[in-house]
Amino acid sequence: MDDERRTSAYDTQLARSIGYRVDAPEGELGIVRSVPHAGRPPRPLALVVSDGNTVRLVSVRRVAEVAPLERRVVLWSEDAASAYDGRTLKAA
């Protein structure tokens, strides 16, 4: 149940991240434009991020932190995200 509450709070933070700046190890990617949901119950699937010229889908598996006070989403590197199972970072 505790994991369920944590997941629900995390999903809520992601859903409310529209308009937040997205920072990745390679630099600022842009602003969250939308957060599509899927599944039952519906959960955030990806972040739609735009820098004004490019629109990209960013997997929620890459999200390392949502910082509401800073209106910022921080991403893992793509390599770290591929080793992340949603709970812990797997050894490479």
N, C-alpha and C. Protein backbone atom coordinates (compact mmCIF):
# COMPACT_ATOMS: atom_id res chain seq x y z
N MET A 1 0.82 -1.20 0.00
CA MET A 1 0.00 0.00 0.00
C MET A 1 0.86 1.26 0.00
N ASP A 2 1.97 1.25 0.75
CA ASP A 2 2.85 2.40 0.79
C ASP A 2 3.42 2.69 -0.60
N ASP A 3 3.81 1.63 -1.34
CA ASP A 3 4.32 1.81 -2.70
C ASP A 3 3.23 2.39 -3.60
N GLU A 4 1.98 1.95 -3.39
CA GLU A 4 0.87 2.45 -4.19
C GLU A 4 0.69 3.95 -3.98
N ARG A 5 0.77 4.39 -2.73
CA ARG A 5 0.63 5.82 -2.44
C ARG A 5 1.76 6.62 -3.05
N ARG A 6 2.98 6.08 -2.94
CA ARG A 6 4.14 6.76 -3.53
C ARG A 6 3.99 6.87 -5.03
N THR A 7 3.58 5.78 -5.68
CA THR A 7 3.38 5.77 -7.13
C THR A 7 2.30 6.77 -7.51
N SER A 8 1.21 6.80 -6.76
CA SER A 8 0.12 7.72 -7.04
C SER A 8 0.58 9.17 -6.92
N ALA A 9 1.35 9.48 -5.88
CA ALA A 9 1.87 10.84 -5.70
C ALA A 9 2.81 11.22 -6.85
N TYR A 10 3.65 10.27 -7.25
CA TYR A 10 4.59 10.49 -8.36
C TYR A 10 3.81 10.73 -9.66
N ASP A 11 2.79 9.91 -9.90
CA ASP A 11 1.97 10.07 -11.10
C ASP A 11 1.29 11.44 -11.11
N THR A 12 0.83 11.87 -9.95
CA THR A 12 0.18 13.18 -9.83
C THR A 12 1.17 14.29 -10.13
N GLN A 13 2.39 14.17 -9.60
CA GLN A 13 3.43 15.18 -9.88
C GLN A 13 3.71 15.25 -11.38
N LEU A 14 3.81 14.08 -12.02
CA LEU A 14 4.07 14.07 -13.46
C LEU A 14 2.91 14.70 -14.23
N ALA A 15 1.69 14.36 -13.86
CA ALA A 15 0.52 14.90 -14.55
C ALA A 15 0.44 16.42 -14.43
N ARG A 16 0.94 16.96 -13.32
CA ARG A 16 0.90 18.40 -13.09
C ARG A 16 2.13 19.14 -13.63
N SER A 17 3.00 18.43 -14.31
CA SER A 17 4.26 19.03 -14.76
C SER A 17 4.15 19.81 -16.07
N ILE A 18 2.97 19.96 -16.61
CA ILE A 18 2.80 20.73 -17.85
C ILE A 18 3.28 22.17 -17.60
N GLY A 19 4.15 22.64 -18.48
CA GLY A 19 4.73 23.97 -18.35
C GLY A 19 6.08 23.98 -17.65
N TYR A 20 6.50 22.83 -17.11
CA TYR A 20 7.79 22.75 -16.42
C TYR A 20 8.93 22.65 -17.42
N ARG A 21 10.09 23.22 -17.05
CA ARG A 21 11.31 23.09 -17.84
C ARG A 21 11.85 21.67 -17.66
N VAL A 22 12.40 21.10 -18.73
CA VAL A 22 12.96 19.74 -18.67
C VAL A 22 14.47 19.83 -18.87
N ASP A 23 15.21 19.38 -17.84
CA ASP A 23 16.67 19.37 -17.88
C ASP A 23 17.17 17.93 -17.96
N ALA A 24 18.08 17.70 -18.89
CA ALA A 24 18.69 16.38 -19.06
C ALA A 24 20.21 16.56 -18.94
N PRO A 25 20.95 15.46 -18.78
CA PRO A 25 22.41 15.58 -18.72
C PRO A 25 22.99 16.32 -19.94
N GLU A 26 22.33 16.20 -21.09
CA GLU A 26 22.84 16.86 -22.30
C GLU A 26 22.39 18.32 -22.42
N GLY A 27 21.62 18.82 -21.44
CA GLY A 27 21.18 20.21 -21.45
C GLY A 27 19.67 20.33 -21.33
N GLU A 28 19.18 21.56 -21.46
CA GLU A 28 17.74 21.80 -21.39
C GLU A 28 17.07 21.30 -22.67
N LEU A 29 16.00 20.49 -22.51
CA LEU A 29 15.30 19.93 -23.67
C LEU A 29 14.12 20.78 -24.10
N GLY A 30 13.55 21.56 -23.18
CA GLY A 30 12.38 22.37 -23.52
C GLY A 30 11.38 22.38 -22.38
N ILE A 31 10.11 22.51 -22.75
CA ILE A 31 9.01 22.64 -21.80
C ILE A 31 8.04 21.47 -21.99
N VAL A 32 7.51 20.95 -20.88
CA VAL A 32 6.49 19.89 -20.95
C VAL A 32 5.22 20.51 -21.52
N ARG A 33 4.75 19.98 -22.65
CA ARG A 33 3.53 20.47 -23.30
C ARG A 33 2.30 19.63 -22.95
N SER A 34 2.50 18.34 -22.72
CA SER A 34 1.40 17.47 -22.30
C SER A 34 1.98 16.19 -21.70
N VAL A 35 1.09 15.46 -21.01
CA VAL A 35 1.48 14.20 -20.37
C VAL A 35 0.40 13.17 -20.71
N PRO A 36 0.57 12.42 -21.81
CA PRO A 36 -0.41 11.40 -22.17
C PRO A 36 -0.45 10.28 -21.12
N HIS A 37 -1.64 9.74 -20.91
CA HIS A 37 -1.84 8.65 -19.96
C HIS A 37 -2.31 7.41 -20.70
N ALA A 38 -2.04 6.24 -20.11
CA ALA A 38 -2.50 4.97 -20.68
C ALA A 38 -2.63 3.96 -19.55
N GLY A 39 -3.34 2.89 -19.82
CA GLY A 39 -3.46 1.79 -18.87
C GLY A 39 -4.68 1.91 -17.97
N ARG A 40 -4.78 0.91 -17.10
CA ARG A 40 -5.87 0.87 -16.12
C ARG A 40 -5.30 0.54 -14.77
N PRO A 41 -5.32 1.42 -13.83
CA PRO A 41 -5.78 2.80 -13.94
C PRO A 41 -4.82 3.61 -14.81
N PRO A 42 -5.31 4.70 -15.38
CA PRO A 42 -4.45 5.51 -16.24
C PRO A 42 -3.23 6.04 -15.49
N ARG A 43 -2.06 5.88 -16.11
CA ARG A 43 -0.80 6.37 -15.54
C ARG A 43 -0.05 7.13 -16.62
N PRO A 44 0.77 8.11 -16.21
CA PRO A 44 1.55 8.85 -17.21
C PRO A 44 2.40 7.90 -18.06
N LEU A 45 2.37 8.12 -19.35
CA LEU A 45 3.08 7.27 -20.29
C LEU A 45 4.38 7.91 -20.76
N ALA A 46 4.32 9.21 -21.00
CA ALA A 46 5.48 9.95 -21.53
C ALA A 46 5.27 11.43 -21.27
N LEU A 47 6.32 12.19 -21.49
CA LEU A 47 6.21 13.64 -21.46
C LEU A 47 6.37 14.12 -22.90
N VAL A 48 5.49 15.00 -23.35
CA VAL A 48 5.65 15.63 -24.65
C VAL A 48 6.38 16.95 -24.39
N VAL A 49 7.61 17.03 -24.89
CA VAL A 49 8.50 18.16 -24.59
C VAL A 49 8.81 18.91 -25.89
N SER A 50 8.73 20.24 -25.83
CA SER A 50 9.02 21.05 -27.01
C SER A 50 9.96 22.19 -26.63
N ASP A 51 10.89 22.47 -27.55
CA ASP A 51 11.78 23.61 -27.37
C ASP A 51 11.43 24.74 -28.33
N GLY A 52 10.28 24.64 -28.96
CA GLY A 52 9.86 25.65 -29.93
C GLY A 52 10.12 25.23 -31.36
N ASN A 53 11.15 24.40 -31.58
CA ASN A 53 11.48 23.90 -32.91
C ASN A 53 11.24 22.41 -33.04
N THR A 54 11.44 21.69 -31.95
CA THR A 54 11.37 20.24 -31.95
C THR A 54 10.39 19.77 -30.87
N VAL A 55 9.62 18.75 -31.21
CA VAL A 55 8.75 18.11 -30.23
C VAL A 55 9.26 16.69 -30.06
N ARG A 56 9.43 16.28 -28.82
CA ARG A 56 9.91 14.92 -28.57
C ARG A 56 9.10 14.27 -27.46
N LEU A 57 8.99 12.95 -27.53
CA LEU A 57 8.38 12.16 -26.47
C LEU A 57 9.50 11.67 -25.57
N VAL A 58 9.35 11.89 -24.28
CA VAL A 58 10.34 11.45 -23.31
C VAL A 58 9.67 10.45 -22.38
N SER A 59 10.20 9.25 -22.31
CA SER A 59 9.66 8.22 -21.44
C SER A 59 9.70 8.67 -19.99
N VAL A 60 8.65 8.36 -19.23
CA VAL A 60 8.66 8.70 -17.80
C VAL A 60 9.73 7.91 -17.06
N ARG A 61 10.26 6.84 -17.66
CA ARG A 61 11.36 6.09 -17.04
C ARG A 61 12.63 6.93 -16.93
N ARG A 62 12.72 7.99 -17.75
CA ARG A 62 13.90 8.87 -17.69
C ARG A 62 13.79 9.92 -16.61
N VAL A 63 12.62 10.07 -16.00
CA VAL A 63 12.43 11.13 -14.99
C VAL A 63 13.12 10.74 -13.69
N ALA A 64 14.09 11.55 -13.29
CA ALA A 64 14.80 11.33 -12.03
C ALA A 64 14.14 12.11 -10.91
N GLU A 65 13.59 13.28 -11.24
CA GLU A 65 13.02 14.15 -10.21
C GLU A 65 12.01 15.11 -10.84
N VAL A 66 10.93 15.36 -10.10
CA VAL A 66 10.00 16.42 -10.43
C VAL A 66 10.12 17.43 -9.30
N ALA A 67 10.48 18.66 -9.63
CA ALA A 67 10.68 19.71 -8.63
C ALA A 67 9.62 20.79 -8.81
N PRO A 68 8.46 20.63 -8.14
CA PRO A 68 7.36 21.57 -8.34
C PRO A 68 7.70 23.02 -7.98
N LEU A 69 8.45 23.22 -6.92
CA LEU A 69 8.78 24.60 -6.53
C LEU A 69 9.64 25.30 -7.57
N GLU A 70 10.45 24.53 -8.28
CA GLU A 70 11.31 25.08 -9.33
C GLU A 70 10.64 25.00 -10.70
N ARG A 71 9.47 24.31 -10.76
CA ARG A 71 8.77 24.05 -12.02
C ARG A 71 9.74 23.43 -13.03
N ARG A 72 10.34 22.31 -12.57
CA ARG A 72 11.40 21.67 -13.35
C ARG A 72 11.30 20.15 -13.25
N VAL A 73 11.59 19.48 -14.35
CA VAL A 73 11.71 18.02 -14.40
C VAL A 73 13.16 17.72 -14.75
N VAL A 74 13.78 16.85 -13.97
CA VAL A 74 15.17 16.46 -14.20
C VAL A 74 15.18 15.03 -14.71
N LEU A 75 15.94 14.78 -15.76
CA LEU A 75 15.99 13.46 -16.37
C LEU A 75 17.30 12.75 -16.07
N TRP A 76 17.21 11.41 -16.04
CA TRP A 76 18.40 10.55 -16.04
C TRP A 76 18.98 10.60 -17.44
N SER A 77 20.22 10.15 -17.59
CA SER A 77 20.75 9.94 -18.93
C SER A 77 19.98 8.77 -19.55
N GLU A 78 19.99 8.66 -20.86
CA GLU A 78 19.28 7.55 -21.52
C GLU A 78 19.84 6.21 -21.08
N ASP A 79 21.16 6.11 -20.87
CA ASP A 79 21.77 4.85 -20.42
C ASP A 79 21.28 4.47 -19.03
N ALA A 80 21.22 5.44 -18.11
CA ALA A 80 20.75 5.16 -16.76
C ALA A 80 19.28 4.78 -16.78
N ALA A 81 18.49 5.44 -17.62
CA ALA A 81 17.05 5.15 -17.70
C ALA A 81 16.80 3.73 -18.18
N SER A 82 17.64 3.22 -19.08
CA SER A 82 17.45 1.86 -19.59
C SER A 82 17.78 0.82 -18.52
N ALA A 83 18.55 1.22 -17.51
CA ALA A 83 18.88 0.30 -16.42
C ALA A 83 17.92 0.44 -15.24
N TYR A 84 16.97 1.36 -15.35
CA TYR A 84 16.03 1.63 -14.24
C TYR A 84 14.75 0.85 -14.45
N ASP A 85 14.31 0.10 -13.42
CA ASP A 85 13.10 -0.70 -13.56
C ASP A 85 11.87 -0.05 -12.92
N GLY A 86 11.95 1.22 -12.57
CA GLY A 86 10.84 1.91 -11.95
C GLY A 86 10.93 1.96 -10.44
N ARG A 87 11.85 1.19 -9.86
CA ARG A 87 12.02 1.17 -8.42
C ARG A 87 13.47 1.35 -8.01
N THR A 88 14.36 0.68 -8.71
CA THR A 88 15.78 0.73 -8.36
C THR A 88 16.62 0.75 -9.63
N LEU A 89 17.81 1.26 -9.51
CA LEU A 89 18.74 1.25 -10.62
C LEU A 89 19.43 -0.11 -10.64
N LYS A 90 19.33 -0.82 -11.78
CA LYS A 90 19.94 -2.14 -11.90
C LYS A 90 21.44 -2.00 -12.18
N ALA A 91 22.20 -2.93 -11.68
CA ALA A 91 23.65 -2.92 -11.97
C ALA A 91 23.87 -3.16 -13.45
N ALA A 92 24.80 -2.44 -14.01
CA ALA A 92 25.08 -2.56 -15.45
C ALA A 92 25.92 -3.77 -15.75
